[in-house]
Amino acid sequence: MPVIEKNFDGQTVITTFEMTPGTAADLMEALNCAYAEFISRQPGFLGAGLHMNDAQTRIANYSKWQRREDFQAMLRTPEMRERNRIIAGLCSRFEPVMYEVGEVY
């Protein structure tokens, strides 16, 4: 699990996924495979955490990258584009958003 630090000068990305309980396990498996087999090996990747809510209707993904461009380059690869098509079929929507850490308590 990545450490959240206020003075982090890389790129933080939080992606939320919405799905039904019936596809939650399949979506989590697809995300785990994406990280284990591909994303974690990409230049600039620093770490990530996947979190599922109790109702199994949302997954939150917190990831850290050295640079914004590293994350964007990973998304543009043919392999990740194909994985995202599969992921999109398992959820009603997902949205990656880039953030800067404002404060840590």
PDB file of N, CA and C in Angstrom:
ATOM      1  N   MET A   1       0.856  -1.176   0.000  1.00  0.00           N
ATOM      2  CA  MET A   1       0.000   0.000   0.000  1.00  0.00           C
ATOM      3  C   MET A   1       0.894   1.229   0.000  1.00  0.00           C
ATOM      4  N   PRO A   2       0.620   2.167  -0.872  1.00  0.00           N
ATOM      5  CA  PRO A   2       1.430   3.378  -0.906  1.00  0.00           C
ATOM      6  C   PRO A   2       1.213   4.251   0.321  1.00  0.00           C
ATOM      7  N   VAL A   3       2.236   4.994   0.662  1.00  0.00           N
ATOM      8  CA  VAL A   3       2.169   5.931   1.774  1.00  0.00           C
ATOM      9  C   VAL A   3       1.667   7.274   1.235  1.00  0.00           C
ATOM     10  N   ILE A   4       0.743   7.889   1.950  1.00  0.00           N
ATOM     11  CA  ILE A   4       0.220   9.195   1.545  1.00  0.00           C
ATOM     12  C   ILE A   4       1.039  10.262   2.263  1.00  0.00           C
ATOM     13  N   GLU A   5       1.689  11.127   1.471  1.00  0.00           N
ATOM     14  CA  GLU A   5       2.556  12.160   2.023  1.00  0.00           C
ATOM     15  C   GLU A   5       2.193  13.506   1.425  1.00  0.00           C
ATOM     16  N   LYS A   6       2.130  14.523   2.263  1.00  0.00           N
ATOM     17  CA  LYS A   6       1.786  15.864   1.787  1.00  0.00           C
ATOM     18  C   LYS A   6       2.832  16.406   0.819  1.00  0.00           C
ATOM     19  N   ASN A   7       4.087  16.127   1.048  1.00  0.00           N
ATOM     20  CA  ASN A   7       5.149  16.684   0.210  1.00  0.00           C
ATOM     21  C   ASN A   7       5.471  15.816  -1.006  1.00  0.00           C
ATOM     22  N   PHE A   8       4.620  14.871  -1.347  1.00  0.00           N
ATOM     23  CA  PHE A   8       4.820  14.012  -2.514  1.00  0.00           C
ATOM     24  C   PHE A   8       4.738  14.861  -3.781  1.00  0.00           C
ATOM     25  N   ASP A   9       5.787  14.808  -4.603  1.00  0.00           N
ATOM     26  CA  ASP A   9       5.790  15.638  -5.810  1.00  0.00           C
ATOM     27  C   ASP A   9       5.516  14.847  -7.081  1.00  0.00           C
ATOM     28  N   GLY A  10       5.035  13.616  -6.944  1.00  0.00           N
ATOM     29  CA  GLY A  10       4.643  12.824  -8.099  1.00  0.00           C
ATOM     30  C   GLY A  10       3.167  13.019  -8.397  1.00  0.00           C
ATOM     31  N   GLN A  11       2.573  12.028  -9.058  1.00  0.00           N
ATOM     32  CA  GLN A  11       1.170  12.104  -9.446  1.00  0.00           C
ATOM     33  C   GLN A  11       0.347  11.073  -8.681  1.00  0.00           C
ATOM     34  N   THR A  12      -0.705  11.529  -8.031  1.00  0.00           N
ATOM     35  CA  THR A  12      -1.657  10.654  -7.361  1.00  0.00           C
ATOM     36  C   THR A  12      -2.880  10.528  -8.254  1.00  0.00           C
ATOM     37  N   VAL A  13      -3.350   9.287  -8.433  1.00  0.00           N
ATOM     38  CA  VAL A  13      -4.551   9.040  -9.236  1.00  0.00           C
ATOM     39  C   VAL A  13      -5.525   8.235  -8.386  1.00  0.00           C
ATOM     40  N   ILE A  14      -6.751   8.710  -8.278  1.00  0.00           N
ATOM     41  CA  ILE A  14      -7.802   7.962  -7.603  1.00  0.00           C
ATOM     42  C   ILE A  14      -8.841   7.623  -8.651  1.00  0.00           C
ATOM     43  N   THR A  15      -9.078   6.337  -8.839  1.00  0.00           N
ATOM     44  CA  THR A  15     -10.056   5.866  -9.818  1.00  0.00           C
ATOM     45  C   THR A  15     -11.182   5.181  -9.065  1.00  0.00           C
ATOM     46  N   THR A  16     -12.400   5.558  -9.357  1.00  0.00           N
ATOM     47  CA  THR A  16     -13.557   4.910  -8.742  1.00  0.00           C
ATOM     48  C   THR A  16     -14.303   4.106  -9.801  1.00  0.00           C
ATOM     49  N   PHE A  17     -14.762   2.944  -9.384  1.00  0.00           N
ATOM     50  CA  PHE A  17     -15.500   2.032 -10.241  1.00  0.00           C
ATOM     51  C   PHE A  17     -16.860   1.779  -9.600  1.00  0.00           C
ATOM     52  N   GLU A  18     -17.911   1.791 -10.386  1.00  0.00           N
ATOM     53  CA  GLU A  18     -19.246   1.458  -9.900  1.00  0.00           C
ATOM     54  C   GLU A  18     -19.690   0.181 -10.588  1.00  0.00           C
ATOM     55  N   MET A  19     -20.198  -0.780  -9.810  1.00  0.00           N
ATOM     56  CA  MET A  19     -20.620  -2.049 -10.369  1.00  0.00           C
ATOM     57  C   MET A  19     -21.720  -2.653  -9.505  1.00  0.00           C
ATOM     58  N   THR A  20     -22.222  -3.795  -9.901  1.00  0.00           N
ATOM     59  CA  THR A  20     -23.205  -4.522  -9.102  1.00  0.00           C
ATOM     60  C   THR A  20     -22.472  -5.569  -8.268  1.00  0.00           C
ATOM     61  N   PRO A  21     -23.071  -6.021  -7.180  1.00  0.00           N
ATOM     62  CA  PRO A  21     -22.429  -7.083  -6.399  1.00  0.00           C
ATOM     63  C   PRO A  21     -22.137  -8.330  -7.241  1.00  0.00           C
ATOM     64  N   GLY A  22     -22.924  -8.545  -8.283  1.00  0.00           N
ATOM     65  CA  GLY A  22     -22.722  -9.715  -9.130  1.00  0.00           C
ATOM     66  C   GLY A  22     -21.448  -9.678  -9.949  1.00  0.00           C
ATOM     67  N   THR A  23     -20.915  -8.498 -10.214  1.00  0.00           N
ATOM     68  CA  THR A  23     -19.671  -8.401 -10.992  1.00  0.00           C
ATOM     69  C   THR A  23     -18.482  -7.932 -10.154  1.00  0.00           C
ATOM     70  N   ALA A  24     -18.688  -7.684  -8.875  1.00  0.00           N
ATOM     71  CA  ALA A  24     -17.637  -7.126  -8.020  1.00  0.00           C
ATOM     72  C   ALA A  24     -16.398  -8.015  -7.965  1.00  0.00           C
ATOM     73  N   ALA A  25     -16.581  -9.303  -7.749  1.00  0.00           N
ATOM     74  CA  ALA A  25     -15.430 -10.206  -7.639  1.00  0.00           C
ATOM     75  C   ALA A  25     -14.676 -10.294  -8.968  1.00  0.00           C
ATOM     76  N   ASP A  26     -15.411 -10.345 -10.079  1.00  0.00           N
ATOM     77  CA  ASP A  26     -14.758 -10.407 -11.390  1.00  0.00           C
ATOM     78  C   ASP A  26     -13.990  -9.129 -11.685  1.00  0.00           C
ATOM     79  N   LEU A  27     -14.562  -7.995 -11.324  1.00  0.00           N
ATOM     80  CA  LEU A  27     -13.876  -6.728 -11.536  1.00  0.00           C
ATOM     81  C   LEU A  27     -12.623  -6.641 -10.678  1.00  0.00           C
ATOM     82  N   MET A  28     -12.716  -7.024  -9.418  1.00  0.00           N
ATOM     83  CA  MET A  28     -11.535  -6.998  -8.543  1.00  0.00           C
ATOM     84  C   MET A  28     -10.448  -7.923  -9.085  1.00  0.00           C
ATOM     85  N   GLU A  29     -10.833  -9.072  -9.591  1.00  0.00           N
ATOM     86  CA  GLU A  29      -9.863  -9.999 -10.176  1.00  0.00           C
ATOM     87  C   GLU A  29      -9.197  -9.388 -11.407  1.00  0.00           C
ATOM     88  N   ALA A  30      -9.983  -8.727 -12.264  1.00  0.00           N
ATOM     89  CA  ALA A  30      -9.423  -8.087 -13.454  1.00  0.00           C
ATOM     90  C   ALA A  30      -8.448  -6.979 -13.071  1.00  0.00           C
ATOM     91  N   LEU A  31      -8.779  -6.206 -12.048  1.00  0.00           N
ATOM     92  CA  LEU A  31      -7.892  -5.144 -11.590  1.00  0.00           C
ATOM     93  C   LEU A  31      -6.621  -5.706 -10.967  1.00  0.00           C
ATOM     94  N   ASN A  32      -6.766  -6.738 -10.146  1.00  0.00           N
ATOM     95  CA  ASN A  32      -5.589  -7.384  -9.557  1.00  0.00           C
ATOM     96  C   ASN A  32      -4.658  -7.923 -10.634  1.00  0.00           C
ATOM     97  N   CYS A  33      -5.228  -8.573 -11.654  1.00  0.00           N
ATOM     98  CA  CYS A  33      -4.416  -9.101 -12.758  1.00  0.00           C
ATOM     99  C   CYS A  33      -3.732  -7.978 -13.518  1.00  0.00           C
ATOM    100  N   ALA A  34      -4.444  -6.893 -13.761  1.00  0.00           N
ATOM    101  CA  ALA A  34      -3.853  -5.759 -14.477  1.00  0.00           C
ATOM    102  C   ALA A  34      -2.642  -5.221 -13.732  1.00  0.00           C
ATOM    103  N   TYR A  35      -2.761  -5.096 -12.417  1.00  0.00           N
ATOM    104  CA  TYR A  35      -1.621  -4.618 -11.633  1.00  0.00           C
ATOM    105  C   TYR A  35      -0.493  -5.638 -11.595  1.00  0.00           C
ATOM    106  N   ALA A  36      -0.804  -6.888 -11.342  1.00  0.00           N
ATOM    107  CA  ALA A  36       0.230  -7.910 -11.206  1.00  0.00           C
ATOM    108  C   ALA A  36       0.965  -8.168 -12.520  1.00  0.00           C
ATOM    109  N   GLU A  37       0.231  -8.185 -13.602  1.00  0.00           N
ATOM    110  CA  GLU A  37       0.810  -8.583 -14.884  1.00  0.00           C
ATOM    111  C   GLU A  37       1.312  -7.415 -15.727  1.00  0.00           C
ATOM    112  N   PHE A  38       0.801  -6.205 -15.501  1.00  0.00           N
ATOM    113  CA  PHE A  38       1.142  -5.117 -16.414  1.00  0.00           C
ATOM    114  C   PHE A  38       1.440  -3.782 -15.738  1.00  0.00           C
ATOM    115  N   ILE A  39       0.465  -3.217 -15.026  1.00  0.00           N
ATOM    116  CA  ILE A  39       0.606  -1.841 -14.531  1.00  0.00           C
ATOM    117  C   ILE A  39       1.820  -1.682 -13.615  1.00  0.00           C
ATOM    118  N   SER A  40       2.026  -2.628 -12.707  1.00  0.00           N
ATOM    119  CA  SER A  40       3.128  -2.498 -11.745  1.00  0.00           C
ATOM    120  C   SER A  40       4.500  -2.537 -12.411  1.00  0.00           C
ATOM    121  N   ARG A  41       4.562  -2.948 -13.663  1.00  0.00           N
ATOM    122  CA  ARG A  41       5.829  -3.039 -14.395  1.00  0.00           C
ATOM    123  C   ARG A  41       6.082  -1.833 -15.296  1.00  0.00           C
ATOM    124  N   GLN A  42       5.164  -0.875 -15.271  1.00  0.00           N
ATOM    125  CA  GLN A  42       5.281   0.279 -16.158  1.00  0.00           C
ATOM    126  C   GLN A  42       6.206   1.341 -15.563  1.00  0.00           C
ATOM    127  N   PRO A  43       6.938   2.050 -16.430  1.00  0.00           N
ATOM    128  CA  PRO A  43       7.823   3.115 -15.950  1.00  0.00           C
ATOM    129  C   PRO A  43       7.048   4.147 -15.132  1.00  0.00           C
ATOM    130  N   GLY A  44       7.615   4.514 -14.006  1.00  0.00           N
ATOM    131  CA  GLY A  44       7.026   5.543 -13.168  1.00  0.00           C
ATOM    132  C   GLY A  44       6.018   5.059 -12.145  1.00  0.00           C
ATOM    133  N   PHE A  45       5.632   3.782 -12.204  1.00  0.00           N
ATOM    134  CA  PHE A  45       4.665   3.262 -11.228  1.00  0.00           C
ATOM    135  C   PHE A  45       5.331   3.146  -9.866  1.00  0.00           C
ATOM    136  N   LEU A  46       4.674   3.664  -8.818  1.00  0.00           N
ATOM    137  CA  LEU A  46       5.228   3.629  -7.468  1.00  0.00           C
ATOM    138  C   LEU A  46       4.449   2.740  -6.508  1.00  0.00           C
ATOM    139  N   GLY A  47       3.159   2.580  -6.715  1.00  0.00           N
ATOM    140  CA  GLY A  47       2.368   1.745  -5.813  1.00  0.00           C
ATOM    141  C   GLY A  47       0.890   2.030  -5.971  1.00  0.00           C
ATOM    142  N   ALA A  48       0.066   1.109  -5.444  1.00  0.00           N
ATOM    143  CA  ALA A  48      -1.384   1.271  -5.555  1.00  0.00           C
ATOM    144  C   ALA A  48      -2.079   0.470  -4.473  1.00  0.00           C
ATOM    145  N   GLY A  49      -3.318   0.830  -4.222  1.00  0.00           N
ATOM    146  CA  GLY A  49      -4.171   0.090  -3.292  1.00  0.00           C
ATOM    147  C   GLY A  49      -5.571   0.004  -3.876  1.00  0.00           C
ATOM    148  N   LEU A  50      -6.189  -1.152  -3.746  1.00  0.00           N
ATOM    149  CA  LEU A  50      -7.564  -1.351  -4.204  1.00  0.00           C
ATOM    150  C   LEU A  50      -8.450  -1.538  -2.985  1.00  0.00           C
ATOM    151  N   HIS A  51      -9.587  -0.848  -2.951  1.00  0.00           N
ATOM    152  CA  HIS A  51     -10.505  -0.887  -1.813  1.00  0.00           C
ATOM    153  C   HIS A  51     -11.914  -1.150  -2.325  1.00  0.00           C
ATOM    154  N   MET A  52     -12.624  -2.118  -1.722  1.00  0.00           N
ATOM    155  CA  MET A  52     -14.015  -2.373  -2.106  1.00  0.00           C
ATOM    156  C   MET A  52     -14.926  -2.041  -0.937  1.00  0.00           C
ATOM    157  N   ASN A  53     -16.072  -1.411  -1.234  1.00  0.00           N
ATOM    158  CA  ASN A  53     -17.012  -1.089  -0.158  1.00  0.00           C
ATOM    159  C   ASN A  53     -17.759  -2.357   0.282  1.00  0.00           C
ATOM    160  N   ASP A  54     -18.391  -2.284   1.439  1.00  0.00           N
ATOM    161  CA  ASP A  54     -19.082  -3.444   2.014  1.00  0.00           C
ATOM    162  C   ASP A  54     -20.216  -3.958   1.137  1.00  0.00           C
ATOM    163  N   ALA A  55     -20.891  -3.064   0.427  1.00  0.00           N
ATOM    164  CA  ALA A  55     -22.020  -3.464  -0.412  1.00  0.00           C
ATOM    165  C   ALA A  55     -21.570  -4.073  -1.741  1.00  0.00           C
ATOM    166  N   GLN A  56     -20.281  -4.057  -2.015  1.00  0.00           N
ATOM    167  CA  GLN A  56     -19.709  -4.553  -3.270  1.00  0.00           C
ATOM    168  C   GLN A  56     -20.300  -3.848  -4.490  1.00  0.00           C
ATOM    169  N   THR A  57     -20.452  -2.537  -4.369  1.00  0.00           N
ATOM    170  CA  THR A  57     -20.961  -1.730  -5.475  1.00  0.00           C
ATOM    171  C   THR A  57     -19.952  -0.673  -5.932  1.00  0.00           C
ATOM    172  N   ARG A  58     -18.835  -0.546  -5.213  1.00  0.00           N
ATOM    173  CA  ARG A  58     -17.809   0.432  -5.573  1.00  0.00           C
ATOM    174  C   ARG A  58     -16.418  -0.104  -5.224  1.00  0.00           C
ATOM    175  N   ILE A  59     -15.505   0.207  -6.100  1.00  0.00           N
ATOM    176  CA  ILE A  59     -14.082  -0.045  -5.837  1.00  0.00           C
ATOM    177  C   ILE A  59     -13.376   1.295  -5.991  1.00  0.00           C
ATOM    178  N   ALA A  60     -12.503   1.597  -5.061  1.00  0.00           N
ATOM    179  CA  ALA A  60     -11.654   2.782  -5.161  1.00  0.00           C
ATOM    180  C   ALA A  60     -10.213   2.311  -5.334  1.00  0.00           C
ATOM    181  N   ASN A  61      -9.537   2.912  -6.283  1.00  0.00           N
ATOM    182  CA  ASN A  61      -8.155   2.560  -6.586  1.00  0.00           C
ATOM    183  C   ASN A  61      -7.300   3.808  -6.371  1.00  0.00           C
ATOM    184  N   TYR A  62      -6.354   3.725  -5.454  1.00  0.00           N
ATOM    185  CA  TYR A  62      -5.432   4.822  -5.163  1.00  0.00           C
ATOM    186  C   TYR A  62      -4.081   4.413  -5.732  1.00  0.00           C
ATOM    187  N   SER A  63      -3.533   5.190  -6.665  1.00  0.00           N
ATOM    188  CA  SER A  63      -2.217   4.838  -7.211  1.00  0.00           C
ATOM    189  C   SER A  63      -1.300   6.054  -7.226  1.00  0.00           C
ATOM    190  N   LYS A  64      -0.001   5.763  -7.170  1.00  0.00           N
ATOM    191  CA  LYS A  64       1.019   6.812  -7.170  1.00  0.00           C
ATOM    192  C   LYS A  64       1.986   6.561  -8.326  1.00  0.00           C
ATOM    193  N   TRP A  65       2.311   7.662  -8.998  1.00  0.00           N
ATOM    194  CA  TRP A  65       3.200   7.623 -10.153  1.00  0.00           C
ATOM    195  C   TRP A  65       4.266   8.689 -10.008  1.00  0.00           C
ATOM    196  N   GLN A  66       5.432   8.452 -10.609  1.00  0.00           N
ATOM    197  CA  GLN A  66       6.478   9.467 -10.548  1.00  0.00           C
ATOM    198  C   GLN A  66       6.047  10.744 -11.250  1.00  0.00           C
ATOM    199  N   ARG A  67       5.399  10.575 -12.404  1.00  0.00           N
ATOM    200  CA  ARG A  67       4.982  11.748 -13.180  1.00  0.00           C
ATOM    201  C   ARG A  67       3.614  11.500 -13.801  1.00  0.00           C
ATOM    202  N   ARG A  68       2.896  12.550 -14.050  1.00  0.00           N
ATOM    203  CA  ARG A  68       1.601  12.498 -14.728  1.00  0.00           C
ATOM    204  C   ARG A  68       1.734  11.793 -16.081  1.00  0.00           C
ATOM    205  N   GLU A  69       2.821  12.098 -16.794  1.00  0.00           N
ATOM    206  CA  GLU A  69       3.046  11.517 -18.113  1.00  0.00           C
ATOM    207  C   GLU A  69       3.225  10.008 -18.067  1.00  0.00           C
ATOM    208  N   ASP A  70       3.775   9.492 -16.966  1.00  0.00           N
ATOM    209  CA  ASP A  70       3.934   8.032 -16.827  1.00  0.00           C
ATOM    210  C   ASP A  70       2.572   7.349 -16.782  1.00  0.00           C
ATOM    211  N   PHE A  71       1.654   7.911 -16.004  1.00  0.00           N
ATOM    212  CA  PHE A  71       0.307   7.351 -15.913  1.00  0.00           C
ATOM    213  C   PHE A  71      -0.392   7.434 -17.270  1.00  0.00           C
ATOM    214  N   GLN A  72      -0.296   8.566 -17.918  1.00  0.00           N
ATOM    215  CA  GLN A  72      -0.944   8.747 -19.211  1.00  0.00           C
ATOM    216  C   GLN A  72      -0.368   7.805 -20.269  1.00  0.00           C
ATOM    217  N   ALA A  73       0.938   7.595 -20.251  1.00  0.00           N
ATOM    218  CA  ALA A  73       1.569   6.676 -21.208  1.00  0.00           C
ATOM    219  C   ALA A  73       1.073   5.245 -20.989  1.00  0.00           C
ATOM    220  N   MET A  74       0.937   4.835 -19.725  1.00  0.00           N
ATOM    221  CA  MET A  74       0.428   3.500 -19.430  1.00  0.00           C
ATOM    222  C   MET A  74      -0.978   3.338 -19.993  1.00  0.00           C
ATOM    223  N   LEU A  75      -1.838   4.342 -19.838  1.00  0.00           N
ATOM    224  CA  LEU A  75      -3.213   4.257 -20.338  1.00  0.00           C
ATOM    225  C   LEU A  75      -3.270   4.128 -21.855  1.00  0.00           C
ATOM    226  N   ARG A  76      -2.304   4.690 -22.552  1.00  0.00           N
ATOM    227  CA  ARG A  76      -2.314   4.685 -24.017  1.00  0.00           C
ATOM    228  C   ARG A  76      -1.777   3.400 -24.631  1.00  0.00           C
ATOM    229  N   THR A  77      -1.176   2.528 -23.844  1.00  0.00           N
ATOM    230  CA  THR A  77      -0.620   1.299 -24.412  1.00  0.00           C
ATOM    231  C   THR A  77      -1.737   0.403 -24.944  1.00  0.00           C
ATOM    232  N   PRO A  78      -1.470  -0.353 -26.005  1.00  0.00           N
ATOM    233  CA  PRO A  78      -2.484  -1.282 -26.517  1.00  0.00           C
ATOM    234  C   PRO A  78      -2.967  -2.278 -25.460  1.00  0.00           C
ATOM    235  N   GLU A  79      -2.062  -2.770 -24.632  1.00  0.00           N
ATOM    236  CA  GLU A  79      -2.472  -3.739 -23.611  1.00  0.00           C
ATOM    237  C   GLU A  79      -3.442  -3.132 -22.606  1.00  0.00           C
ATOM    238  N   MET A  80      -3.168  -1.927 -22.141  1.00  0.00           N
ATOM    239  CA  MET A  80      -4.067  -1.317 -21.155  1.00  0.00           C
ATOM    240  C   MET A  80      -5.381  -0.900 -21.802  1.00  0.00           C
ATOM    241  N   ARG A  81      -5.337  -0.486 -23.038  1.00  0.00           N
ATOM    242  CA  ARG A  81      -6.583  -0.153 -23.729  1.00  0.00           C
ATOM    243  C   ARG A  81      -7.486  -1.389 -23.824  1.00  0.00           C
ATOM    244  N   GLU A  82      -6.902  -2.545 -24.114  1.00  0.00           N
ATOM    245  CA  GLU A  82      -7.687  -3.781 -24.172  1.00  0.00           C
ATOM    246  C   GLU A  82      -8.199  -4.151 -22.781  1.00  0.00           C
ATOM    247  N   ARG A  83      -7.354  -4.044 -21.779  1.00  0.00           N
ATOM    248  CA  ARG A  83      -7.793  -4.348 -20.409  1.00  0.00           C
ATOM    249  C   ARG A  83      -8.929  -3.418 -19.987  1.00  0.00           C
ATOM    250  N   ASN A  84      -8.838  -2.146 -20.363  1.00  0.00           N
ATOM    251  CA  ASN A  84      -9.894  -1.194 -19.994  1.00  0.00           C
ATOM    252  C   ASN A  84     -11.213  -1.507 -20.682  1.00  0.00           C
ATOM    253  N   ARG A  85     -11.167  -2.082 -21.873  1.00  0.00           N
ATOM    254  CA  ARG A  85     -12.410  -2.504 -22.518  1.00  0.00           C
ATOM    255  C   ARG A  85     -13.073  -3.631 -21.715  1.00  0.00           C
ATOM    256  N   ILE A  86     -12.272  -4.546 -21.215  1.00  0.00           N
ATOM    257  CA  ILE A  86     -12.796  -5.647 -20.381  1.00  0.00           C
ATOM    258  C   ILE A  86     -13.333  -5.097 -19.064  1.00  0.00           C
ATOM    259  N   ILE A  87     -12.561  -4.221 -18.436  1.00  0.00           N
ATOM    260  CA  ILE A  87     -12.979  -3.604 -17.165  1.00  0.00           C
ATOM    261  C   ILE A  87     -14.282  -2.837 -17.348  1.00  0.00           C
ATOM    262  N   ALA A  88     -14.392  -2.101 -18.440  1.00  0.00           N
ATOM    263  CA  ALA A  88     -15.613  -1.322 -18.702  1.00  0.00           C
ATOM    264  C   ALA A  88     -16.837  -2.228 -18.829  1.00  0.00           C
ATOM    265  N   GLY A  89     -16.645  -3.446 -19.288  1.00  0.00           N
ATOM    266  CA  GLY A  89     -17.743  -4.393 -19.397  1.00  0.00           C
ATOM    267  C   GLY A  89     -18.192  -4.965 -18.068  1.00  0.00           C
ATOM    268  N   LEU A  90     -17.370  -4.809 -17.039  1.00  0.00           N
ATOM    269  CA  LEU A  90     -17.676  -5.347 -15.710  1.00  0.00           C
ATOM    270  C   LEU A  90     -18.248  -4.300 -14.757  1.00  0.00           C
ATOM    271  N   CYS A  91     -18.294  -3.047 -15.190  1.00  0.00           N
ATOM    272  CA  CYS A  91     -18.801  -1.998 -14.307  1.00  0.00           C
ATOM    273  C   CYS A  91     -19.696  -1.051 -15.090  1.00  0.00           C
ATOM    274  N   SER A  92     -20.502  -0.292 -14.365  1.00  0.00           N
ATOM    275  CA  SER A  92     -21.373   0.665 -15.028  1.00  0.00           C
ATOM    276  C   SER A  92     -20.609   1.925 -15.415  1.00  0.00           C
ATOM    277  N   ARG A  93     -19.560   2.234 -14.671  1.00  0.00           N
ATOM    278  CA  ARG A  93     -18.691   3.351 -15.023  1.00  0.00           C
ATOM    279  C   ARG A  93     -17.430   3.328 -14.189  1.00  0.00           C
ATOM    280  N   PHE A  94     -16.379   3.928 -14.729  1.00  0.00           N
ATOM    281  CA  PHE A  94     -15.166   4.152 -13.943  1.00  0.00           C
ATOM    282  C   PHE A  94     -14.529   5.446 -14.403  1.00  0.00           C
ATOM    283  N   GLU A  95     -13.865   6.093 -13.446  1.00  0.00           N
ATOM    284  CA  GLU A  95     -13.320   7.419 -13.719  1.00  0.00           C
ATOM    285  C   GLU A  95     -11.994   7.625 -12.986  1.00  0.00           C
ATOM    286  N   PRO A  96     -10.884   7.699 -13.738  1.00  0.00           N
ATOM    287  CA  PRO A  96      -9.613   8.050 -13.107  1.00  0.00           C
ATOM    288  C   PRO A  96      -9.479   9.572 -13.024  1.00  0.00           C
ATOM    289  N   VAL A  97      -9.083  10.068 -11.852  1.00  0.00           N
ATOM    290  CA  VAL A  97      -8.913  11.505 -11.654  1.00  0.00           C
ATOM    291  C   VAL A  97      -7.544  11.735 -10.990  1.00  0.00           C
ATOM    292  N   MET A  98      -6.794  12.689 -11.520  1.00  0.00           N
ATOM    293  CA  MET A  98      -5.479  13.032 -10.959  1.00  0.00           C
ATOM    294  C   MET A  98      -5.644  14.065  -9.857  1.00  0.00           C
ATOM    295  N   TYR A  99      -4.918  13.853  -8.758  1.00  0.00           N
ATOM    296  CA  TYR A  99      -5.028  14.724  -7.582  1.00  0.00           C
ATOM    297  C   TYR A  99      -3.644  15.118  -7.089  1.00  0.00           C
ATOM    298  N   GLU A 100      -3.613  16.202  -6.341  1.00  0.00           N
ATOM    299  CA  GLU A 100      -2.456  16.578  -5.526  1.00  0.00           C
ATOM    300  C   GLU A 100      -2.868  16.396  -4.080  1.00  0.00           C
ATOM    301  N   VAL A 101      -1.975  15.885  -3.256  1.00  0.00           N
ATOM    302  CA  VAL A 101      -2.289  15.704  -1.840  1.00  0.00           C
ATOM    303  C   VAL A 101      -2.377  17.080  -1.184  1.00  0.00           C
ATOM    304  N   GLY A 102      -3.504  17.358  -0.549  1.00  0.00           N
ATOM    305  CA  GLY A 102      -3.701  18.648   0.094  1.00  0.00           C
ATOM    306  C   GLY A 102      -3.224  18.658   1.533  1.00  0.00           C
ATOM    307  N   GLU A 103      -3.514  17.591   2.243  1.00  0.00           N
ATOM    308  CA  GLU A 103      -3.145  17.508   3.654  1.00  0.00           C
ATOM    309  C   GLU A 103      -3.193  16.051   4.087  1.00  0.00           C
ATOM    310  N   VAL A 104      -2.430  15.708   5.091  1.00  0.00           N
ATOM    311  CA  VAL A 104      -2.401  14.362   5.649  1.00  0.00           C
ATOM    312  C   VAL A 104      -2.487  14.479   7.162  1.00  0.00           C
ATOM    313  N   TYR A 105      -3.345  13.664   7.768  1.00  0.00           N
ATOM    314  CA  TYR A 105      -3.504  13.679   9.223  1.00  0.00           C
ATOM    315  C   TYR A 105      -3.220  12.315   9.796  1.00  0.00           C
TER     316      TYR A 105
END
